[in-house]
Amino acid sequence: MAILGSGTKKIVVDEEGYLHHSQNWNEDVARILAENEGIENLNEEKLEIVKSMRRYYAEHESFPILGNICRKSGNKAKDCVTKEFLDPMKAWKIAGLPKPPNIFFTSFDGEKYIPNPFY
């Protein structure tokens, strides 16, 4: 476990950076998690993507189809998650959601991440 913070706000994450108490998530927590993932500017577009991921998880309790997240967040690009976050797992962590089992993404060029079913 590690403690991350900004100002007086402190949060607990596991060794991989996943929020320990998902119910404590809010936009301030998202900004702290984003900084931990190397994303300094969590703009409204990125924030809407992570909120869409949280809504999807609340309804289905699983990792979403990324194209659906883009549509539901109002983004016209089917690859908005990878465009905004590069690695979709960064968006998932910033959304404060638990580590999904057996979901791995691979990049061959460091820019586009795809699900890896063989991991």
PDB file of N, CA and C in Angstrom:
ATOM      1  N   MET A   1       0.837  -1.182   0.000  1.00  0.00           N
ATOM      2  CA  MET A   1       0.000   0.000   0.000  1.00  0.00           C
ATOM      3  C   MET A   1       0.885   1.249   0.000  1.00  0.00           C
ATOM      4  N   ALA A   2       0.390   2.269  -0.655  1.00  0.00           N
ATOM      5  CA  ALA A   2       1.088   3.555  -0.699  1.00  0.00           C
ATOM      6  C   ALA A   2       0.069   4.662  -0.472  1.00  0.00           C
ATOM      7  N   ILE A   3       0.538   5.763   0.025  1.00  0.00           N
ATOM      8  CA  ILE A   3      -0.329   6.920   0.245  1.00  0.00           C
ATOM      9  C   ILE A   3       0.087   8.009  -0.724  1.00  0.00           C
ATOM     10  N   LEU A   4      -0.876   8.478  -1.507  1.00  0.00           N
ATOM     11  CA  LEU A   4      -0.659   9.577  -2.435  1.00  0.00           C
ATOM     12  C   LEU A   4      -1.422  10.784  -1.922  1.00  0.00           C
ATOM     13  N   GLY A   5      -0.970  11.964  -2.283  1.00  0.00           N
ATOM     14  CA  GLY A   5      -1.704  13.130  -1.828  1.00  0.00           C
ATOM     15  C   GLY A   5      -1.410  14.374  -2.621  1.00  0.00           C
ATOM     16  N   SER A   6      -2.282  15.337  -2.410  1.00  0.00           N
ATOM     17  CA  SER A   6      -2.157  16.655  -2.995  1.00  0.00           C
ATOM     18  C   SER A   6      -2.770  17.620  -1.982  1.00  0.00           C
ATOM     19  N   GLY A   7      -1.965  18.505  -1.449  1.00  0.00           N
ATOM     20  CA  GLY A   7      -2.474  19.391  -0.409  1.00  0.00           C
ATOM     21  C   GLY A   7      -2.824  18.582   0.821  1.00  0.00           C
ATOM     22  N   THR A   8      -4.044  18.728   1.302  1.00  0.00           N
ATOM     23  CA  THR A   8      -4.483  17.987   2.488  1.00  0.00           C
ATOM     24  C   THR A   8      -5.182  16.677   2.135  1.00  0.00           C
ATOM     25  N   LYS A   9      -5.454  16.442   0.859  1.00  0.00           N
ATOM     26  CA  LYS A   9      -6.154  15.229   0.408  1.00  0.00           C
ATOM     27  C   LYS A   9      -5.167  14.076   0.287  1.00  0.00           C
ATOM     28  N   LYS A  10      -5.439  12.964   0.964  1.00  0.00           N
ATOM     29  CA  LYS A  10      -4.604  11.767   0.929  1.00  0.00           C
ATOM     30  C   LYS A  10      -5.452  10.573   0.526  1.00  0.00           C
ATOM     31  N   ILE A  11      -4.879   9.712  -0.317  1.00  0.00           N
ATOM     32  CA  ILE A  11      -5.577   8.494  -0.735  1.00  0.00           C
ATOM     33  C   ILE A  11      -4.624   7.306  -0.621  1.00  0.00           C
ATOM     34  N   VAL A  12      -5.197   6.126  -0.498  1.00  0.00           N
ATOM     35  CA  VAL A  12      -4.416   4.899  -0.393  1.00  0.00           C
ATOM     36  C   VAL A  12      -4.581   4.105  -1.681  1.00  0.00           C
ATOM     37  N   VAL A  13      -3.447   3.693  -2.255  1.00  0.00           N
ATOM     38  CA  VAL A  13      -3.444   2.856  -3.457  1.00  0.00           C
ATOM     39  C   VAL A  13      -2.613   1.614  -3.183  1.00  0.00           C
ATOM     40  N   ASP A  14      -2.857   0.569  -3.989  1.00  0.00           N
ATOM     41  CA  ASP A  14      -2.044  -0.633  -3.841  1.00  0.00           C
ATOM     42  C   ASP A  14      -0.713  -0.445  -4.564  1.00  0.00           C
ATOM     43  N   GLU A  15       0.113  -1.494  -4.582  1.00  0.00           N
ATOM     44  CA  GLU A  15       1.455  -1.396  -5.167  1.00  0.00           C
ATOM     45  C   GLU A  15       1.429  -1.131  -6.672  1.00  0.00           C
ATOM     46  N   GLU A  16       0.306  -1.378  -7.337  1.00  0.00           N
ATOM     47  CA  GLU A  16       0.197  -1.125  -8.777  1.00  0.00           C
ATOM     48  C   GLU A  16      -0.497   0.203  -9.087  1.00  0.00           C
ATOM     49  N   GLY A  17      -0.947   0.914  -8.075  1.00  0.00           N
ATOM     50  CA  GLY A  17      -1.574   2.215  -8.278  1.00  0.00           C
ATOM     51  C   GLY A  17      -3.089   2.204  -8.332  1.00  0.00           C
ATOM     52  N   TYR A  18      -3.718   1.083  -7.984  1.00  0.00           N
ATOM     53  CA  TYR A  18      -5.185   1.015  -7.967  1.00  0.00           C
ATOM     54  C   TYR A  18      -5.702   1.549  -6.631  1.00  0.00           C
ATOM     55  N   LEU A  19      -6.749   2.355  -6.680  1.00  0.00           N
ATOM     56  CA  LEU A  19      -7.345   2.951  -5.493  1.00  0.00           C
ATOM     57  C   LEU A  19      -7.825   1.859  -4.544  1.00  0.00           C
ATOM     58  N   HIS A  20      -7.433   1.964  -3.277  1.00  0.00           N
ATOM     59  CA  HIS A  20      -7.779   0.933  -2.296  1.00  0.00           C
ATOM     60  C   HIS A  20      -9.266   0.951  -1.939  1.00  0.00           C
ATOM     61  N   HIS A  21      -9.862   2.120  -1.833  1.00  0.00           N
ATOM     62  CA  HIS A  21     -11.284   2.243  -1.500  1.00  0.00           C
ATOM     63  C   HIS A  21     -11.994   2.974  -2.641  1.00  0.00           C
ATOM     64  N   SER A  22     -12.534   2.226  -3.574  1.00  0.00           N
ATOM     65  CA  SER A  22     -13.168   2.795  -4.765  1.00  0.00           C
ATOM     66  C   SER A  22     -14.320   3.737  -4.430  1.00  0.00           C
ATOM     67  N   GLN A  23     -14.997   3.494  -3.325  1.00  0.00           N
ATOM     68  CA  GLN A  23     -16.130   4.333  -2.947  1.00  0.00           C
ATOM     69  C   GLN A  23     -15.689   5.745  -2.543  1.00  0.00           C
ATOM     70  N   ASN A  24     -14.397   5.960  -2.302  1.00  0.00           N
ATOM     71  CA  ASN A  24     -13.889   7.290  -1.944  1.00  0.00           C
ATOM     72  C   ASN A  24     -13.547   8.139  -3.158  1.00  0.00           C
ATOM     73  N   TRP A  25     -13.843   7.638  -4.351  1.00  0.00           N
ATOM     74  CA  TRP A  25     -13.470   8.339  -5.580  1.00  0.00           C
ATOM     75  C   TRP A  25     -14.292   9.616  -5.752  1.00  0.00           C
ATOM     76  N   ASN A  26     -13.633  10.663  -6.199  1.00  0.00           N
ATOM     77  CA  ASN A  26     -14.268  11.899  -6.650  1.00  0.00           C
ATOM     78  C   ASN A  26     -13.289  12.565  -7.616  1.00  0.00           C
ATOM     79  N   GLU A  27     -13.621  13.708  -8.119  1.00  0.00           N
ATOM     80  CA  GLU A  27     -12.768  14.357  -9.119  1.00  0.00           C
ATOM     81  C   GLU A  27     -11.398  14.729  -8.557  1.00  0.00           C
ATOM     82  N   ASP A  28     -11.334  15.109  -7.282  1.00  0.00           N
ATOM     83  CA  ASP A  28     -10.033  15.411  -6.671  1.00  0.00           C
ATOM     84  C   ASP A  28      -9.164  14.163  -6.590  1.00  0.00           C
ATOM     85  N   VAL A  29      -9.769  13.046  -6.224  1.00  0.00           N
ATOM     86  CA  VAL A  29      -9.056  11.766  -6.179  1.00  0.00           C
ATOM     87  C   VAL A  29      -8.581  11.413  -7.587  1.00  0.00           C
ATOM     88  N   ALA A  30      -9.426  11.625  -8.584  1.00  0.00           N
ATOM     89  CA  ALA A  30      -9.053  11.335  -9.972  1.00  0.00           C
ATOM     90  C   ALA A  30      -7.822  12.140 -10.385  1.00  0.00           C
ATOM     91  N   ARG A  31      -7.750  13.375  -9.965  1.00  0.00           N
ATOM     92  CA  ARG A  31      -6.591  14.208 -10.313  1.00  0.00           C
ATOM     93  C   ARG A  31      -5.309  13.687  -9.652  1.00  0.00           C
ATOM     94  N   ILE A  32      -5.412  13.231  -8.411  1.00  0.00           N
ATOM     95  CA  ILE A  32      -4.251  12.652  -7.728  1.00  0.00           C
ATOM     96  C   ILE A  32      -3.817  11.372  -8.434  1.00  0.00           C
ATOM     97  N   LEU A  33      -4.786  10.521  -8.781  1.00  0.00           N
ATOM     98  CA  LEU A  33      -4.465   9.281  -9.495  1.00  0.00           C
ATOM     99  C   LEU A  33      -3.864   9.572 -10.867  1.00  0.00           C
ATOM    100  N   ALA A  34      -4.379  10.594 -11.542  1.00  0.00           N
ATOM    101  CA  ALA A  34      -3.850  10.969 -12.857  1.00  0.00           C
ATOM    102  C   ALA A  34      -2.397  11.410 -12.738  1.00  0.00           C
ATOM    103  N   GLU A  35      -2.100  12.228 -11.754  1.00  0.00           N
ATOM    104  CA  GLU A  35      -0.709  12.657 -11.550  1.00  0.00           C
ATOM    105  C   GLU A  35       0.192  11.460 -11.299  1.00  0.00           C
ATOM    106  N   ASN A  36      -0.290  10.492 -10.527  1.00  0.00           N
ATOM    107  CA  ASN A  36       0.483   9.288 -10.261  1.00  0.00           C
ATOM    108  C   ASN A  36       0.740   8.487 -11.534  1.00  0.00           C
ATOM    109  N   GLU A  37      -0.162   8.591 -12.505  1.00  0.00           N
ATOM    110  CA  GLU A  37      -0.017   7.886 -13.784  1.00  0.00           C
ATOM    111  C   GLU A  37       0.706   8.737 -14.833  1.00  0.00           C
ATOM    112  N   GLY A  38       1.190   9.906 -14.435  1.00  0.00           N
ATOM    113  CA  GLY A  38       1.947  10.756 -15.355  1.00  0.00           C
ATOM    114  C   GLY A  38       1.087  11.669 -16.201  1.00  0.00           C
ATOM    115  N   ILE A  39      -0.176  11.850 -15.836  1.00  0.00           N
ATOM    116  CA  ILE A  39      -1.084  12.724 -16.578  1.00  0.00           C
ATOM    117  C   ILE A  39      -1.352  13.946 -15.711  1.00  0.00           C
ATOM    118  N   GLU A  40      -0.728  15.073 -16.080  1.00  0.00           N
ATOM    119  CA  GLU A  40      -0.839  16.280 -15.268  1.00  0.00           C
ATOM    120  C   GLU A  40      -2.110  17.069 -15.535  1.00  0.00           C
ATOM    121  N   ASN A  41      -2.645  16.960 -16.743  1.00  0.00           N
ATOM    122  CA  ASN A  41      -3.830  17.732 -17.091  1.00  0.00           C
ATOM    123  C   ASN A  41      -5.016  16.798 -17.309  1.00  0.00           C
ATOM    124  N   LEU A  42      -5.815  16.635 -16.273  1.00  0.00           N
ATOM    125  CA  LEU A  42      -7.029  15.822 -16.384  1.00  0.00           C
ATOM    126  C   LEU A  42      -8.157  16.769 -16.792  1.00  0.00           C
ATOM    127  N   ASN A  43      -8.248  17.013 -18.101  1.00  0.00           N
ATOM    128  CA  ASN A  43      -9.246  17.960 -18.615  1.00  0.00           C
ATOM    129  C   ASN A  43     -10.644  17.349 -18.599  1.00  0.00           C
ATOM    130  N   GLU A  44     -11.631  18.143 -19.008  1.00  0.00           N
ATOM    131  CA  GLU A  44     -13.035  17.696 -18.969  1.00  0.00           C
ATOM    132  C   GLU A  44     -13.279  16.463 -19.851  1.00  0.00           C
ATOM    133  N   GLU A  45     -12.635  16.415 -21.009  1.00  0.00           N
ATOM    134  CA  GLU A  45     -12.814  15.270 -21.911  1.00  0.00           C
ATOM    135  C   GLU A  45     -12.314  13.975 -21.252  1.00  0.00           C
ATOM    136  N   LYS A  46     -11.130  14.036 -20.655  1.00  0.00           N
ATOM    137  CA  LYS A  46     -10.587  12.864 -19.975  1.00  0.00           C
ATOM    138  C   LYS A  46     -11.436  12.502 -18.762  1.00  0.00           C
ATOM    139  N   LEU A  47     -11.874  13.507 -18.042  1.00  0.00           N
ATOM    140  CA  LEU A  47     -12.701  13.262 -16.866  1.00  0.00           C
ATOM    141  C   LEU A  47     -14.023  12.599 -17.242  1.00  0.00           C
ATOM    142  N   GLU A  48     -14.610  12.998 -18.359  1.00  0.00           N
ATOM    143  CA  GLU A  48     -15.863  12.374 -18.807  1.00  0.00           C
ATOM    144  C   GLU A  48     -15.632  10.913 -19.199  1.00  0.00           C
ATOM    145  N   ILE A  49     -14.476  10.609 -19.759  1.00  0.00           N
ATOM    146  CA  ILE A  49     -14.154   9.217 -20.099  1.00  0.00           C
ATOM    147  C   ILE A  49     -14.079   8.369 -18.839  1.00  0.00           C
ATOM    148  N   VAL A  50     -13.373   8.851 -17.807  1.00  0.00           N
ATOM    149  CA  VAL A  50     -13.258   8.042 -16.591  1.00  0.00           C
ATOM    150  C   VAL A  50     -14.605   7.937 -15.864  1.00  0.00           C
ATOM    151  N   LYS A  51     -15.417   8.976 -15.937  1.00  0.00           N
ATOM    152  CA  LYS A  51     -16.763   8.888 -15.344  1.00  0.00           C
ATOM    153  C   LYS A  51     -17.612   7.858 -16.084  1.00  0.00           C
ATOM    154  N   SER A  52     -17.472   7.801 -17.411  1.00  0.00           N
ATOM    155  CA  SER A  52     -18.200   6.792 -18.195  1.00  0.00           C
ATOM    156  C   SER A  52     -17.751   5.390 -17.818  1.00  0.00           C
ATOM    157  N   MET A  53     -16.450   5.225 -17.583  1.00  0.00           N
ATOM    158  CA  MET A  53     -15.946   3.917 -17.149  1.00  0.00           C
ATOM    159  C   MET A  53     -16.539   3.544 -15.797  1.00  0.00           C
ATOM    160  N   ARG A  54     -16.648   4.490 -14.894  1.00  0.00           N
ATOM    161  CA  ARG A  54     -17.235   4.214 -13.575  1.00  0.00           C
ATOM    162  C   ARG A  54     -18.704   3.829 -13.701  1.00  0.00           C
ATOM    163  N   ARG A  55     -19.441   4.539 -14.554  1.00  0.00           N
ATOM    164  CA  ARG A  55     -20.859   4.204 -14.748  1.00  0.00           C
ATOM    165  C   ARG A  55     -21.006   2.799 -15.326  1.00  0.00           C
ATOM    166  N   TYR A  56     -20.171   2.480 -16.322  1.00  0.00           N
ATOM    167  CA  TYR A  56     -20.220   1.159 -16.938  1.00  0.00           C
ATOM    168  C   TYR A  56     -19.930   0.076 -15.887  1.00  0.00           C
ATOM    169  N   TYR A  57     -18.896   0.299 -15.095  1.00  0.00           N
ATOM    170  CA  TYR A  57     -18.530  -0.684 -14.075  1.00  0.00           C
ATOM    171  C   TYR A  57     -19.647  -0.845 -13.040  1.00  0.00           C
ATOM    172  N   ALA A  58     -20.271   0.252 -12.649  1.00  0.00           N
ATOM    173  CA  ALA A  58     -21.363   0.190 -11.672  1.00  0.00           C
ATOM    174  C   ALA A  58     -22.522  -0.661 -12.192  1.00  0.00           C
ATOM    175  N   GLU A  59     -22.741  -0.613 -13.496  1.00  0.00           N
ATOM    176  CA  GLU A  59     -23.851  -1.361 -14.088  1.00  0.00           C
ATOM    177  C   GLU A  59     -23.487  -2.813 -14.401  1.00  0.00           C
ATOM    178  N   HIS A  60     -22.254  -3.040 -14.903  1.00  0.00           N
ATOM    179  CA  HIS A  60     -21.892  -4.364 -15.417  1.00  0.00           C
ATOM    180  C   HIS A  60     -20.819  -5.104 -14.614  1.00  0.00           C
ATOM    181  N   GLU A  61     -20.131  -4.403 -13.729  1.00  0.00           N
ATOM    182  CA  GLU A  61     -19.034  -4.964 -12.945  1.00  0.00           C
ATOM    183  C   GLU A  61     -17.992  -5.678 -13.805  1.00  0.00           C
ATOM    184  N   SER A  62     -17.648  -5.055 -14.921  1.00  0.00           N
ATOM    185  CA  SER A  62     -16.616  -5.607 -15.795  1.00  0.00           C
ATOM    186  C   SER A  62     -15.936  -4.475 -16.564  1.00  0.00           C
ATOM    187  N   PHE A  63     -14.829  -4.826 -17.205  1.00  0.00           N
ATOM    188  CA  PHE A  63     -14.109  -3.858 -18.032  1.00  0.00           C
ATOM    189  C   PHE A  63     -14.927  -3.594 -19.289  1.00  0.00           C
ATOM    190  N   PRO A  64     -15.096  -2.335 -19.680  1.00  0.00           N
ATOM    191  CA  PRO A  64     -15.978  -2.010 -20.804  1.00  0.00           C
ATOM    192  C   PRO A  64     -15.340  -2.211 -22.173  1.00  0.00           C
ATOM    193  N   ILE A  65     -16.182  -2.277 -23.171  1.00  0.00           N
ATOM    194  CA  ILE A  65     -15.731  -2.184 -24.554  1.00  0.00           C
ATOM    195  C   ILE A  65     -15.399  -0.708 -24.761  1.00  0.00           C
ATOM    196  N   LEU A  66     -14.177  -0.430 -25.146  1.00  0.00           N
ATOM    197  CA  LEU A  66     -13.704   0.957 -25.151  1.00  0.00           C
ATOM    198  C   LEU A  66     -14.469   1.853 -26.119  1.00  0.00           C
ATOM    199  N   GLY A  67     -14.902   1.311 -27.253  1.00  0.00           N
ATOM    200  CA  GLY A  67     -15.689   2.105 -28.198  1.00  0.00           C
ATOM    201  C   GLY A  67     -17.002   2.576 -27.586  1.00  0.00           C
ATOM    202  N   ASN A  68     -17.598   1.749 -26.729  1.00  0.00           N
ATOM    203  CA  ASN A  68     -18.838   2.148 -26.050  1.00  0.00           C
ATOM    204  C   ASN A  68     -18.589   3.301 -25.095  1.00  0.00           C
ATOM    205  N   ILE A  69     -17.470   3.278 -24.419  1.00  0.00           N
ATOM    206  CA  ILE A  69     -17.124   4.366 -23.497  1.00  0.00           C
ATOM    207  C   ILE A  69     -17.003   5.669 -24.270  1.00  0.00           C
ATOM    208  N   CYS A  70     -16.400   5.619 -25.435  1.00  0.00           N
ATOM    209  CA  CYS A  70     -16.245   6.831 -26.248  1.00  0.00           C
ATOM    210  C   CYS A  70     -17.612   7.384 -26.653  1.00  0.00           C
ATOM    211  N   ARG A  71     -18.491   6.513 -27.104  1.00  0.00           N
ATOM    212  CA  ARG A  71     -19.831   6.968 -27.500  1.00  0.00           C
ATOM    213  C   ARG A  71     -20.587   7.554 -26.313  1.00  0.00           C
ATOM    214  N   LYS A  72     -20.546   6.872 -25.183  1.00  0.00           N
ATOM    215  CA  LYS A  72     -21.304   7.312 -24.013  1.00  0.00           C
ATOM    216  C   LYS A  72     -20.726   8.567 -23.374  1.00  0.00           C
ATOM    217  N   SER A  73     -19.459   8.839 -23.629  1.00  0.00           N
ATOM    218  CA  SER A  73     -18.864  10.052 -23.076  1.00  0.00           C
ATOM    219  C   SER A  73     -19.004  11.229 -24.047  1.00  0.00           C
ATOM    220  N   GLY A  74     -19.662  10.974 -25.192  1.00  0.00           N
ATOM    221  CA  GLY A  74     -19.897  12.043 -26.160  1.00  0.00           C
ATOM    222  C   GLY A  74     -18.752  12.253 -27.130  1.00  0.00           C
ATOM    223  N   ASN A  75     -17.789  11.359 -27.133  1.00  0.00           N
ATOM    224  CA  ASN A  75     -16.641  11.484 -28.020  1.00  0.00           C
ATOM    225  C   ASN A  75     -16.922  10.717 -29.303  1.00  0.00           C
ATOM    226  N   LYS A  76     -16.664  11.329 -30.437  1.00  0.00           N
ATOM    227  CA  LYS A  76     -16.966  10.690 -31.725  1.00  0.00           C
ATOM    228  C   LYS A  76     -15.894   9.684 -32.153  1.00  0.00           C
ATOM    229  N   ALA A  77     -14.677   9.823 -31.648  1.00  0.00           N
ATOM    230  CA  ALA A  77     -13.603   8.903 -32.018  1.00  0.00           C
ATOM    231  C   ALA A  77     -13.768   7.579 -31.279  1.00  0.00           C
ATOM    232  N   LYS A  78     -13.677   6.461 -32.011  1.00  0.00           N
ATOM    233  CA  LYS A  78     -13.821   5.147 -31.386  1.00  0.00           C
ATOM    234  C   LYS A  78     -12.636   4.802 -30.495  1.00  0.00           C
ATOM    235  N   ASP A  79     -11.517   5.466 -30.703  1.00  0.00           N
ATOM    236  CA  ASP A  79     -10.314   5.178 -29.930  1.00  0.00           C
ATOM    237  C   ASP A  79      -9.987   6.288 -28.932  1.00  0.00           C
ATOM    238  N   CYS A  80     -11.023   6.950 -28.418  1.00  0.00           N
ATOM    239  CA  CYS A  80     -10.802   8.101 -27.536  1.00  0.00           C
ATOM    240  C   CYS A  80     -10.025   7.741 -26.279  1.00  0.00           C
ATOM    241  N   VAL A  81     -10.223   6.541 -25.755  1.00  0.00           N
ATOM    242  CA  VAL A  81      -9.528   6.164 -24.522  1.00  0.00           C
ATOM    243  C   VAL A  81      -8.029   6.069 -24.778  1.00  0.00           C
ATOM    244  N   THR A  82      -7.634   5.372 -25.827  1.00  0.00           N
ATOM    245  CA  THR A  82      -6.205   5.266 -26.121  1.00  0.00           C
ATOM    246  C   THR A  82      -5.645   6.601 -26.602  1.00  0.00           C
ATOM    247  N   LYS A  83      -6.452   7.390 -27.270  1.00  0.00           N
ATOM    248  CA  LYS A  83      -5.997   8.708 -27.728  1.00  0.00           C
ATOM    249  C   LYS A  83      -5.715   9.628 -26.537  1.00  0.00           C
ATOM    250  N   GLU A  84      -6.569   9.604 -25.544  1.00  0.00           N
ATOM    251  CA  GLU A  84      -6.433  10.492 -24.389  1.00  0.00           C
ATOM    252  C   GLU A  84      -5.477   9.967 -23.318  1.00  0.00           C
ATOM    253  N   PHE A  85      -5.410   8.636 -23.153  1.00  0.00           N
ATOM    254  CA  PHE A  85      -4.638   8.061 -22.049  1.00  0.00           C
ATOM    255  C   PHE A  85      -3.507   7.145 -22.503  1.00  0.00           C
ATOM    256  N   LEU A  86      -3.397   6.862 -23.791  1.00  0.00           N
ATOM    257  CA  LEU A  86      -2.476   5.881 -24.367  1.00  0.00           C
ATOM    258  C   LEU A  86      -2.825   4.482 -23.887  1.00  0.00           C
ATOM    259  N   ASP A  87      -2.558   4.160 -22.651  1.00  0.00           N
ATOM    260  CA  ASP A  87      -2.853   2.837 -22.113  1.00  0.00           C
ATOM    261  C   ASP A  87      -4.226   2.881 -21.433  1.00  0.00           C
ATOM    262  N   PRO A  88      -5.197   2.100 -21.888  1.00  0.00           N
ATOM    263  CA  PRO A  88      -6.529   2.114 -21.280  1.00  0.00           C
ATOM    264  C   PRO A  88      -6.528   1.790 -19.783  1.00  0.00           C
ATOM    265  N   MET A  89      -5.525   1.055 -19.317  1.00  0.00           N
ATOM    266  CA  MET A  89      -5.467   0.748 -17.890  1.00  0.00           C
ATOM    267  C   MET A  89      -5.209   2.000 -17.064  1.00  0.00           C
ATOM    268  N   LYS A  90      -4.552   3.007 -17.641  1.00  0.00           N
ATOM    269  CA  LYS A  90      -4.371   4.275 -16.930  1.00  0.00           C
ATOM    270  C   LYS A  90      -5.724   4.920 -16.671  1.00  0.00           C
ATOM    271  N   ALA A  91      -6.586   4.920 -17.665  1.00  0.00           N
ATOM    272  CA  ALA A  91      -7.927   5.494 -17.494  1.00  0.00           C
ATOM    273  C   ALA A  91      -8.685   4.721 -16.428  1.00  0.00           C
ATOM    274  N   TRP A  92      -8.545   3.397 -16.443  1.00  0.00           N
ATOM    275  CA  TRP A  92      -9.223   2.546 -15.462  1.00  0.00           C
ATOM    276  C   TRP A  92      -8.754   2.879 -14.047  1.00  0.00           C
ATOM    277  N   LYS A  93      -7.440   3.039 -13.871  1.00  0.00           N
ATOM    278  CA  LYS A  93      -6.896   3.384 -12.558  1.00  0.00           C
ATOM    279  C   LYS A  93      -7.383   4.763 -12.112  1.00  0.00           C
ATOM    280  N   ILE A  94      -7.371   5.724 -13.024  1.00  0.00           N
ATOM    281  CA  ILE A  94      -7.814   7.080 -12.700  1.00  0.00           C
ATOM    282  C   ILE A  94      -9.291   7.080 -12.336  1.00  0.00           C
ATOM    283  N   ALA A  95     -10.059   6.156 -12.905  1.00  0.00           N
ATOM    284  CA  ALA A  95     -11.476   6.022 -12.565  1.00  0.00           C
ATOM    285  C   ALA A  95     -11.659   5.429 -11.173  1.00  0.00           C
ATOM    286  N   GLY A  96     -10.556   5.001 -10.559  1.00  0.00           N
ATOM    287  CA  GLY A  96     -10.624   4.488  -9.193  1.00  0.00           C
ATOM    288  C   GLY A  96     -11.240   3.109  -9.082  1.00  0.00           C
ATOM    289  N   LEU A  97     -11.175   2.350 -10.156  1.00  0.00           N
ATOM    290  CA  LEU A  97     -11.810   1.033 -10.173  1.00  0.00           C
ATOM    291  C   LEU A  97     -10.814  -0.062  -9.800  1.00  0.00           C
ATOM    292  N   PRO A  98     -11.307  -1.202  -9.305  1.00  0.00           N
ATOM    293  CA  PRO A  98     -10.393  -2.273  -8.887  1.00  0.00           C
ATOM    294  C   PRO A  98      -9.699  -2.923 -10.078  1.00  0.00           C
ATOM    295  N   LYS A  99      -8.559  -3.519  -9.797  1.00  0.00           N
ATOM    296  CA  LYS A  99      -7.806  -4.186 -10.851  1.00  0.00           C
ATOM    297  C   LYS A  99      -8.660  -5.270 -11.489  1.00  0.00           C
ATOM    298  N   PRO A 100      -8.899  -5.157 -12.803  1.00  0.00           N
ATOM    299  CA  PRO A 100      -9.715  -6.180 -13.464  1.00  0.00           C
ATOM    300  C   PRO A 100      -8.907  -7.458 -13.673  1.00  0.00           C
ATOM    301  N   PRO A 101      -9.519  -8.602 -13.460  1.00  0.00           N
ATOM    302  CA  PRO A 101      -8.787  -9.851 -13.665  1.00  0.00           C
ATOM    303  C   PRO A 101      -8.611 -10.151 -15.148  1.00  0.00           C
ATOM    304  N   ASN A 102      -7.430 -10.607 -15.488  1.00  0.00           N
ATOM    305  CA  ASN A 102      -7.136 -11.103 -16.838  1.00  0.00           C
ATOM    306  C   ASN A 102      -7.375 -10.090 -17.959  1.00  0.00           C
ATOM    307  N   ILE A 103      -7.113  -8.827 -17.705  1.00  0.00           N
ATOM    308  CA  ILE A 103      -7.193  -7.807 -18.756  1.00  0.00           C
ATOM    309  C   ILE A 103      -5.802  -7.217 -18.900  1.00  0.00           C
ATOM    310  N   PHE A 104      -5.219  -7.385 -20.061  1.00  0.00           N
ATOM    311  CA  PHE A 104      -3.889  -6.865 -20.311  1.00  0.00           C
ATOM    312  C   PHE A 104      -3.871  -6.198 -21.679  1.00  0.00           C
ATOM    313  N   PHE A 105      -3.143  -5.112 -21.779  1.00  0.00           N
ATOM    314  CA  PHE A 105      -3.009  -4.398 -23.038  1.00  0.00           C
ATOM    315  C   PHE A 105      -1.546  -4.394 -23.441  1.00  0.00           C
ATOM    316  N   THR A 106      -1.310  -4.506 -24.730  1.00  0.00           N
ATOM    317  CA  THR A 106       0.038  -4.530 -25.279  1.00  0.00           C
ATOM    318  C   THR A 106       0.168  -3.428 -26.313  1.00  0.00           C
ATOM    319  N   SER A 107       1.350  -2.828 -26.352  1.00  0.00           N
ATOM    320  CA  SER A 107       1.637  -1.822 -27.367  1.00  0.00           C
ATOM    321  C   SER A 107       2.888  -2.246 -28.117  1.00  0.00           C
ATOM    322  N   PHE A 108       2.824  -2.138 -29.424  1.00  0.00           N
ATOM    323  CA  PHE A 108       3.988  -2.452 -30.244  1.00  0.00           C
ATOM    324  C   PHE A 108       4.749  -1.196 -30.627  1.00  0.00           C
ATOM    325  N   ASP A 109       4.075  -0.042 -30.518  1.00  0.00           N
ATOM    326  CA  ASP A 109       4.729   1.209 -30.911  1.00  0.00           C
ATOM    327  C   ASP A 109       4.757   2.245 -29.788  1.00  0.00           C
ATOM    328  N   GLY A 110       4.224   1.905 -28.610  1.00  0.00           N
ATOM    329  CA  GLY A 110       4.204   2.832 -27.486  1.00  0.00           C
ATOM    330  C   GLY A 110       3.114   3.880 -27.583  1.00  0.00           C
ATOM    331  N   GLU A 111       2.290   3.799 -28.625  1.00  0.00           N
ATOM    332  CA  GLU A 111       1.236   4.790 -28.825  1.00  0.00           C
ATOM    333  C   GLU A 111      -0.156   4.172 -28.860  1.00  0.00           C
ATOM    334  N   LYS A 112      -0.272   2.989 -29.420  1.00  0.00           N
ATOM    335  CA  LYS A 112      -1.572   2.329 -29.527  1.00  0.00           C
ATOM    336  C   LYS A 112      -1.533   1.058 -28.703  1.00  0.00           C
ATOM    337  N   TYR A 113      -2.509   0.917 -27.811  1.00  0.00           N
ATOM    338  CA  TYR A 113      -2.602  -0.264 -26.972  1.00  0.00           C
ATOM    339  C   TYR A 113      -3.793  -1.090 -27.406  1.00  0.00           C
ATOM    340  N   ILE A 114      -3.575  -2.397 -27.466  1.00  0.00           N
ATOM    341  CA  ILE A 114      -4.642  -3.306 -27.864  1.00  0.00           C
ATOM    342  C   ILE A 114      -4.770  -4.396 -26.805  1.00  0.00           C
ATOM    343  N   PRO A 115      -5.973  -4.962 -26.627  1.00  0.00           N
ATOM    344  CA  PRO A 115      -6.118  -6.066 -25.675  1.00  0.00           C
ATOM    345  C   PRO A 115      -5.258  -7.248 -26.100  1.00  0.00           C
ATOM    346  N   ASN A 116      -4.603  -7.864 -25.142  1.00  0.00           N
ATOM    347  CA  ASN A 116      -3.743  -9.000 -25.418  1.00  0.00           C
ATOM    348  C   ASN A 116      -4.372 -10.251 -24.804  1.00  0.00           C
ATOM    349  N   PRO A 117      -4.997 -11.089 -25.619  1.00  0.00           N
ATOM    350  CA  PRO A 117      -5.662 -12.281 -25.087  1.00  0.00           C
ATOM    351  C   PRO A 117      -4.687 -13.392 -24.694  1.00  0.00           C
ATOM    352  N   PHE A 118      -3.410 -13.241 -25.036  1.00  0.00           N
ATOM    353  CA  PHE A 118      -2.434 -14.305 -24.780  1.00  0.00           C
ATOM    354  C   PHE A 118      -1.588 -14.056 -23.550  1.00  0.00           C
ATOM    355  N   TYR A 119      -1.836 -12.999 -22.833  1.00  0.00           N
ATOM    356  CA  TYR A 119      -1.001 -12.655 -21.682  1.00  0.00           C
ATOM    357  C   TYR A 119      -1.263 -13.580 -20.534  1.00  0.00           C
TER     358      TYR A 119
END
